[in-house]
Amino acid sequence: MDGILGRKLGMTQIFAEDGTALPVTLVAAGPCVVVQRKTTETDGYEAVQLGLLEDKPPKKISKPLKGHLDKAGVGPVRRFAEFDIGPDDAEARAGDQVKVSIFEPDQFVDVVGTSKGKGFQGVVRRHHFRGGRATHGSMFHRAPGSIGGSSEPSRVFPGMRAAGRMGGKRVTAKNVRVVKVDEDRGLLFLHGAVPGPRGGYVQIRRAKKG
């Protein structure tokens, strides 16, 4: 299996054998259940759809989703994700469970999550503009500066860096090293930080590059 779903629990540190303190992110990965196997004949590509099994399943689900889960013989799940799988890989069937044991220490993974939302921010924080002078009567401190000429082109070009909503976007942290795998508790110890807040959902898959 190429990956798994999980929830970010937070950051801590553990000590390596040589006494070095390593910053790690704890992720409660899985258990997940295969909801649907997609094949080239039926869907045009090879993949599996996984659903994350949680302690508190959703109380209400829509009728189409209920029919989709009943067809697979799976109980209510809140989060879904698709992961690639090769046609020559082991046949994955609906109802099969995927656990954190698919990963090993010192393996590299890509972690996909939603970054923390920062709200509406100016250009200094959002785009790291330097700003203007803070002395001698200057009234240009945190403004963006010129965004286009008034006579030519008389408009603002699309994509101009400006103030706006910051964060809350899909972010991928590539080549994150797996420091430790706790199969009994279903925990992954990932070196460094990963996208998202505490309690946020993440996708963990084998690194594509690295």
C-alpha atoms as a PDB file:
ATOM      1  CA  MET A   1       0.000   0.000   0.000  1.00  0.00           C
ATOM      2  CA  ASP A   2       1.291   3.444  -0.941  1.00  0.00           C
ATOM      3  CA  GLY A   3       0.016   5.469   2.017  1.00  0.00           C
ATOM      4  CA  ILE A   4      -2.302   5.969   4.963  1.00  0.00           C
ATOM      5  CA  LEU A   5      -4.505   8.602   6.617  1.00  0.00           C
ATOM      6  CA  GLY A   6      -3.908   9.995  10.078  1.00  0.00           C
ATOM      7  CA  ARG A   7      -4.275  12.858  12.540  1.00  0.00           C
ATOM      8  CA  LYS A   8      -1.522  15.158  13.739  1.00  0.00           C
ATOM      9  CA  LEU A   9      -1.217  14.982  17.545  1.00  0.00           C
ATOM     10  CA  GLY A  10       1.549  17.541  18.062  1.00  0.00           C
ATOM     11  CA  MET A  11       5.312  17.868  18.418  1.00  0.00           C
ATOM     12  CA  THR A  12       7.784  16.595  20.976  1.00  0.00           C
ATOM     13  CA  GLN A  13      11.366  15.368  21.016  1.00  0.00           C
ATOM     14  CA  ILE A  14      13.026  11.995  21.390  1.00  0.00           C
ATOM     15  CA  PHE A  15      16.658  11.086  21.907  1.00  0.00           C
ATOM     16  CA  ALA A  16      18.725   9.098  19.433  1.00  0.00           C
ATOM     17  CA  GLU A  17      21.178   6.420  20.484  1.00  0.00           C
ATOM     18  CA  ASP A  18      24.036   8.938  20.483  1.00  0.00           C
ATOM     19  CA  GLY A  19      22.089  11.293  22.766  1.00  0.00           C
ATOM     20  CA  THR A  20      21.042  13.746  20.056  1.00  0.00           C
ATOM     21  CA  ALA A  21      17.624  15.350  20.643  1.00  0.00           C
ATOM     22  CA  LEU A  22      15.420  14.979  17.573  1.00  0.00           C
ATOM     23  CA  PRO A  23      12.300  17.146  17.065  1.00  0.00           C
ATOM     24  CA  VAL A  24       9.471  14.868  15.945  1.00  0.00           C
ATOM     25  CA  THR A  25       5.807  15.160  15.053  1.00  0.00           C
ATOM     26  CA  LEU A  26       3.460  12.491  16.394  1.00  0.00           C
ATOM     27  CA  VAL A  27       0.819  11.276  13.952  1.00  0.00           C
ATOM     28  CA  ALA A  28      -1.923   8.807  14.862  1.00  0.00           C
ATOM     29  CA  ALA A  29      -1.858   6.954  11.539  1.00  0.00           C
ATOM     30  CA  GLY A  30      -4.752   4.624  10.790  1.00  0.00           C
ATOM     31  CA  PRO A  31      -6.194   2.167  11.067  1.00  0.00           C
ATOM     32  CA  CYS A  32      -7.730   2.681   7.646  1.00  0.00           C
ATOM     33  CA  VAL A  33     -10.099   0.501   5.687  1.00  0.00           C
ATOM     34  CA  VAL A  34     -10.264  -0.006   1.934  1.00  0.00           C
ATOM     35  CA  VAL A  35     -13.577   1.448   0.764  1.00  0.00           C
ATOM     36  CA  GLN A  36     -13.107   1.023  -2.982  1.00  0.00           C
ATOM     37  CA  ARG A  37     -10.554  -0.487  -5.352  1.00  0.00           C
ATOM     38  CA  LYS A  38     -10.312   1.458  -8.606  1.00  0.00           C
ATOM     39  CA  THR A  39      -9.002  -0.351 -11.654  1.00  0.00           C
ATOM     40  CA  THR A  40      -8.062   0.546 -15.200  1.00  0.00           C
ATOM     41  CA  GLU A  41     -11.025  -1.381 -16.601  1.00  0.00           C
ATOM     42  CA  THR A  42     -13.673   0.404 -14.516  1.00  0.00           C
ATOM     43  CA  ASP A  43     -12.153   3.801 -13.634  1.00  0.00           C
ATOM     44  CA  GLY A  44      -9.260   4.302 -16.035  1.00  0.00           C
ATOM     45  CA  TYR A  45      -6.507   4.180 -13.399  1.00  0.00           C
ATOM     46  CA  GLU A  46      -5.215   2.070 -10.528  1.00  0.00           C
ATOM     47  CA  ALA A  47      -5.836   3.323  -6.980  1.00  0.00           C
ATOM     48  CA  VAL A  48      -7.480   2.518  -3.685  1.00  0.00           C
ATOM     49  CA  GLN A  49      -9.845   4.701  -1.683  1.00  0.00           C
ATOM     50  CA  LEU A  50      -9.150   4.536   2.044  1.00  0.00           C
ATOM     51  CA  GLY A  51     -11.355   5.640   4.913  1.00  0.00           C
ATOM     52  CA  LEU A  52      -9.967   6.546   8.330  1.00  0.00           C
ATOM     53  CA  LEU A  53     -11.444   4.594  11.244  1.00  0.00           C
ATOM     54  CA  GLU A  54     -11.825   6.825  14.323  1.00  0.00           C
ATOM     55  CA  ASP A  55     -13.010   6.444  17.887  1.00  0.00           C
ATOM     56  CA  LYS A  56     -15.992   8.722  17.190  1.00  0.00           C
ATOM     57  CA  PRO A  57     -17.528   7.911  13.808  1.00  0.00           C
ATOM     58  CA  PRO A  58     -19.925  10.465  12.275  1.00  0.00           C
ATOM     59  CA  LYS A  59     -23.505  10.207  13.528  1.00  0.00           C
ATOM     60  CA  LYS A  60     -25.122  11.383  10.313  1.00  0.00           C
ATOM     61  CA  ILE A  61     -24.078  10.652   6.735  1.00  0.00           C
ATOM     62  CA  SER A  62     -25.810  11.332   3.442  1.00  0.00           C
ATOM     63  CA  LYS A  63     -27.758   8.609   1.658  1.00  0.00           C
ATOM     64  CA  PRO A  64     -25.358   8.429  -1.322  1.00  0.00           C
ATOM     65  CA  LEU A  65     -22.398   8.052   1.029  1.00  0.00           C
ATOM     66  CA  LYS A  66     -24.252   5.433   3.076  1.00  0.00           C
ATOM     67  CA  GLY A  67     -24.906   3.432  -0.070  1.00  0.00           C
ATOM     68  CA  HIS A  68     -21.256   3.712  -1.065  1.00  0.00           C
ATOM     69  CA  LEU A  69     -20.126   2.421   2.340  1.00  0.00           C
ATOM     70  CA  ASP A  70     -22.757  -0.325   2.482  1.00  0.00           C
ATOM     71  CA  LYS A  71     -21.590  -1.610  -0.885  1.00  0.00           C
ATOM     72  CA  ALA A  72     -18.108  -2.031   0.560  1.00  0.00           C
ATOM     73  CA  GLY A  73     -19.415  -3.456   3.836  1.00  0.00           C
ATOM     74  CA  VAL A  74     -17.767  -0.643   5.806  1.00  0.00           C
ATOM     75  CA  GLY A  75     -19.111   1.354   8.737  1.00  0.00           C
ATOM     76  CA  PRO A  76     -19.382   5.170   8.807  1.00  0.00           C
ATOM     77  CA  VAL A  77     -16.091   6.990   8.241  1.00  0.00           C
ATOM     78  CA  ARG A  78     -15.382  10.703   8.235  1.00  0.00           C
ATOM     79  CA  ARG A  79     -12.299  11.084   6.036  1.00  0.00           C
ATOM     80  CA  PHE A  80     -11.408   9.578   2.654  1.00  0.00           C
ATOM     81  CA  ALA A  81      -8.301   9.680   0.496  1.00  0.00           C
ATOM     82  CA  GLU A  82      -7.024   7.961  -2.639  1.00  0.00           C
ATOM     83  CA  PHE A  83      -3.596   6.404  -2.943  1.00  0.00           C
ATOM     84  CA  ASP A  84      -1.833   5.053  -6.001  1.00  0.00           C
ATOM     85  CA  ILE A  85      -1.335   1.359  -6.425  1.00  0.00           C
ATOM     86  CA  GLY A  86       0.279  -0.555  -9.260  1.00  0.00           C
ATOM     87  CA  PRO A  87      -1.565  -3.188 -11.303  1.00  0.00           C
ATOM     88  CA  ASP A  88       1.052  -5.761 -10.300  1.00  0.00           C
ATOM     89  CA  ASP A  89       0.672  -5.087  -6.559  1.00  0.00           C
ATOM     90  CA  ALA A  90      -1.237  -7.336  -4.210  1.00  0.00           C
ATOM     91  CA  GLU A  91      -4.951  -7.271  -4.793  1.00  0.00           C
ATOM     92  CA  ALA A  92      -6.632  -4.913  -2.313  1.00  0.00           C
ATOM     93  CA  ARG A  93     -10.277  -5.618  -1.607  1.00  0.00           C
ATOM     94  CA  ALA A  94     -12.991  -3.567   0.033  1.00  0.00           C
ATOM     95  CA  GLY A  95     -12.959  -4.116   3.771  1.00  0.00           C
ATOM     96  CA  ASP A  96      -9.210  -4.775   4.085  1.00  0.00           C
ATOM     97  CA  GLN A  97      -7.489  -2.836   6.857  1.00  0.00           C
ATOM     98  CA  VAL A  98      -4.332  -0.773   6.419  1.00  0.00           C
ATOM     99  CA  LYS A  99      -2.231  -0.079   9.514  1.00  0.00           C
ATOM    100  CA  VAL A 100       0.860   1.918  10.377  1.00  0.00           C
ATOM    101  CA  SER A 101       3.033  -1.176   9.966  1.00  0.00           C
ATOM    102  CA  ILE A 102       3.315  -0.441   6.224  1.00  0.00           C
ATOM    103  CA  PHE A 103       6.074   2.047   7.147  1.00  0.00           C
ATOM    104  CA  GLU A 104       9.528   1.392   8.568  1.00  0.00           C
ATOM    105  CA  PRO A 105      12.053   3.527  10.482  1.00  0.00           C
ATOM    106  CA  ASP A 106      14.431   5.634   8.356  1.00  0.00           C
ATOM    107  CA  GLN A 107      11.968   5.529   5.470  1.00  0.00           C
ATOM    108  CA  PHE A 108      11.140   8.800   3.680  1.00  0.00           C
ATOM    109  CA  VAL A 109       7.541   9.891   3.188  1.00  0.00           C
ATOM    110  CA  ASP A 110       5.563  12.828   1.799  1.00  0.00           C
ATOM    111  CA  VAL A 111       3.052  14.380   4.208  1.00  0.00           C
ATOM    112  CA  VAL A 112       0.044  16.219   2.764  1.00  0.00           C
ATOM    113  CA  GLY A 113      -2.054  18.462   4.996  1.00  0.00           C
ATOM    114  CA  THR A 114      -3.925  21.765   5.204  1.00  0.00           C
ATOM    115  CA  SER A 115      -1.814  24.628   6.526  1.00  0.00           C
ATOM    116  CA  LYS A 116      -2.940  26.713   9.481  1.00  0.00           C
ATOM    117  CA  GLY A 117      -5.327  29.524   8.580  1.00  0.00           C
ATOM    118  CA  LYS A 118      -3.920  32.983   9.416  1.00  0.00           C
ATOM    119  CA  GLY A 119      -6.924  35.071   8.349  1.00  0.00           C
ATOM    120  CA  PHE A 120      -6.651  38.296   6.331  1.00  0.00           C
ATOM    121  CA  GLN A 121      -3.047  39.508   6.367  1.00  0.00           C
ATOM    122  CA  GLY A 122      -1.090  42.340   4.786  1.00  0.00           C
ATOM    123  CA  VAL A 123       1.764  42.083   2.325  1.00  0.00           C
ATOM    124  CA  VAL A 124       4.484  42.262   4.986  1.00  0.00           C
ATOM    125  CA  ARG A 125       3.382  39.067   6.679  1.00  0.00           C
ATOM    126  CA  ARG A 126       1.837  37.348   3.681  1.00  0.00           C
ATOM    127  CA  HIS A 127       4.573  37.996   1.105  1.00  0.00           C
ATOM    128  CA  HIS A 128       7.483  39.119   3.307  1.00  0.00           C
ATOM    129  CA  PHE A 129       7.627  42.671   1.952  1.00  0.00           C
ATOM    130  CA  ARG A 130      10.217  44.781   3.738  1.00  0.00           C
ATOM    131  CA  GLY A 131       8.051  47.891   4.189  1.00  0.00           C
ATOM    132  CA  GLY A 132       9.095  51.527   4.127  1.00  0.00           C
ATOM    133  CA  ARG A 133      11.001  53.830   6.439  1.00  0.00           C
ATOM    134  CA  ALA A 134       9.744  54.181  10.006  1.00  0.00           C
ATOM    135  CA  THR A 135      11.141  57.690  10.675  1.00  0.00           C
ATOM    136  CA  HIS A 136      11.299  61.285   9.365  1.00  0.00           C
ATOM    137  CA  GLY A 137       7.599  61.667   8.808  1.00  0.00           C
ATOM    138  CA  SER A 138       7.299  58.711   6.485  1.00  0.00           C
ATOM    139  CA  MET A 139       3.725  57.565   5.942  1.00  0.00           C
ATOM    140  CA  PHE A 140       4.800  54.481   4.026  1.00  0.00           C
ATOM    141  CA  HIS A 141       5.355  51.698   6.587  1.00  0.00           C
ATOM    142  CA  ARG A 142       3.599  48.457   5.674  1.00  0.00           C
ATOM    143  CA  ALA A 143       2.004  49.396   2.374  1.00  0.00           C
ATOM    144  CA  PRO A 144       2.575  47.361  -0.805  1.00  0.00           C
ATOM    145  CA  GLY A 145       3.848  50.241  -2.939  1.00  0.00           C
ATOM    146  CA  SER A 146       3.007  50.708  -6.603  1.00  0.00           C
ATOM    147  CA  ILE A 147       0.774  48.026  -8.094  1.00  0.00           C
ATOM    148  CA  GLY A 148       0.521  49.502 -11.606  1.00  0.00           C
ATOM    149  CA  GLY A 149       0.772  52.773 -13.529  1.00  0.00           C
ATOM    150  CA  SER A 150      -2.298  55.028 -13.720  1.00  0.00           C
ATOM    151  CA  SER A 151      -1.858  55.972 -17.382  1.00  0.00           C
ATOM    152  CA  GLU A 152      -0.339  52.756 -18.651  1.00  0.00           C
ATOM    153  CA  PRO A 153      -1.490  49.982 -18.222  1.00  0.00           C
ATOM    154  CA  SER A 154      -4.286  51.623 -16.141  1.00  0.00           C
ATOM    155  CA  ARG A 155      -5.104  48.356 -14.438  1.00  0.00           C
ATOM    156  CA  VAL A 156      -3.745  45.823 -11.968  1.00  0.00           C
ATOM    157  CA  PHE A 157      -2.335  42.671 -13.567  1.00  0.00           C
ATOM    158  CA  PRO A 158      -3.691  39.320 -12.346  1.00  0.00           C
ATOM    159  CA  GLY A 159      -1.456  37.592  -9.819  1.00  0.00           C
ATOM    160  CA  MET A 160      -0.170  40.811  -8.270  1.00  0.00           C
ATOM    161  CA  ARG A 161       1.008  40.150  -4.726  1.00  0.00           C
ATOM    162  CA  ALA A 162      -1.364  41.921  -2.368  1.00  0.00           C
ATOM    163  CA  ALA A 163      -3.078  41.595   0.986  1.00  0.00           C
ATOM    164  CA  GLY A 164      -5.508  38.715   1.373  1.00  0.00           C
ATOM    165  CA  ARG A 165      -6.328  35.499   3.149  1.00  0.00           C
ATOM    166  CA  MET A 166      -3.271  33.603   4.289  1.00  0.00           C
ATOM    167  CA  GLY A 167      -2.952  29.892   4.987  1.00  0.00           C
ATOM    168  CA  GLY A 168      -5.631  27.244   4.843  1.00  0.00           C
ATOM    169  CA  LYS A 169      -4.176  25.670   1.713  1.00  0.00           C
ATOM    170  CA  ARG A 170      -3.062  22.195   0.731  1.00  0.00           C
ATOM    171  CA  VAL A 171       0.642  21.813   1.532  1.00  0.00           C
ATOM    172  CA  THR A 172       2.988  18.882   0.907  1.00  0.00           C
ATOM    173  CA  ALA A 173       6.096  18.343   3.027  1.00  0.00           C
ATOM    174  CA  LYS A 174       8.420  16.156   0.946  1.00  0.00           C
ATOM    175  CA  ASN A 175      11.037  13.655   2.057  1.00  0.00           C
ATOM    176  CA  VAL A 176      10.148  13.577   5.750  1.00  0.00           C
ATOM    177  CA  ARG A 177      12.080  10.862   7.573  1.00  0.00           C
ATOM    178  CA  VAL A 178      10.255   8.294   9.694  1.00  0.00           C
ATOM    179  CA  VAL A 179      12.129   8.196  13.003  1.00  0.00           C
ATOM    180  CA  LYS A 180      10.055   5.563  14.803  1.00  0.00           C
ATOM    181  CA  VAL A 181       7.000   3.374  14.234  1.00  0.00           C
ATOM    182  CA  ASP A 182       4.839   2.340  17.201  1.00  0.00           C
ATOM    183  CA  GLU A 183       2.614  -0.434  15.860  1.00  0.00           C
ATOM    184  CA  ASP A 184       0.910  -1.132  19.208  1.00  0.00           C
ATOM    185  CA  ARG A 185      -0.402   2.421  19.552  1.00  0.00           C
ATOM    186  CA  GLY A 186      -0.603   3.197  15.838  1.00  0.00           C
ATOM    187  CA  LEU A 187       1.829   6.129  16.029  1.00  0.00           C
ATOM    188  CA  LEU A 188       4.307   7.515  13.545  1.00  0.00           C
ATOM    189  CA  PHE A 189       7.226   9.674  14.727  1.00  0.00           C
ATOM    190  CA  LEU A 190       8.162  11.992  11.843  1.00  0.00           C
ATOM    191  CA  HIS A 191      11.335  14.086  11.921  1.00  0.00           C
ATOM    192  CA  GLY A 192      10.598  17.826  12.061  1.00  0.00           C
ATOM    193  CA  ALA A 193       7.336  19.645  11.460  1.00  0.00           C
ATOM    194  CA  VAL A 194       4.483  18.692   9.141  1.00  0.00           C
ATOM    195  CA  PRO A 195       1.672  20.881   7.770  1.00  0.00           C
ATOM    196  CA  GLY A 196      -1.483  21.584   9.739  1.00  0.00           C
ATOM    197  CA  PRO A 197      -2.623  22.308  13.286  1.00  0.00           C
ATOM    198  CA  ARG A 198      -2.883  19.835  16.162  1.00  0.00           C
ATOM    199  CA  GLY A 199      -5.769  17.506  15.421  1.00  0.00           C
ATOM    200  CA  GLY A 200      -5.577  18.157  11.694  1.00  0.00           C
ATOM    201  CA  TYR A 201      -5.886  15.338   9.176  1.00  0.00           C
ATOM    202  CA  VAL A 202      -2.877  14.397   7.062  1.00  0.00           C
ATOM    203  CA  GLN A 203      -2.073  11.967   4.275  1.00  0.00           C
ATOM    204  CA  ILE A 204       1.195  10.055   4.571  1.00  0.00           C
ATOM    205  CA  ARG A 205       2.532   8.353   1.478  1.00  0.00           C
ATOM    206  CA  ARG A 206       5.849   6.965   0.321  1.00  0.00           C
ATOM    207  CA  ALA A 207       8.155   9.679  -1.013  1.00  0.00           C
ATOM    208  CA  LYS A 208       8.036   9.995  -4.783  1.00  0.00           C
ATOM    209  CA  LYS A 209      11.416  11.753  -5.015  1.00  0.00           C
ATOM    210  CA  GLY A 210      14.276  11.171  -2.624  1.00  0.00           C
END
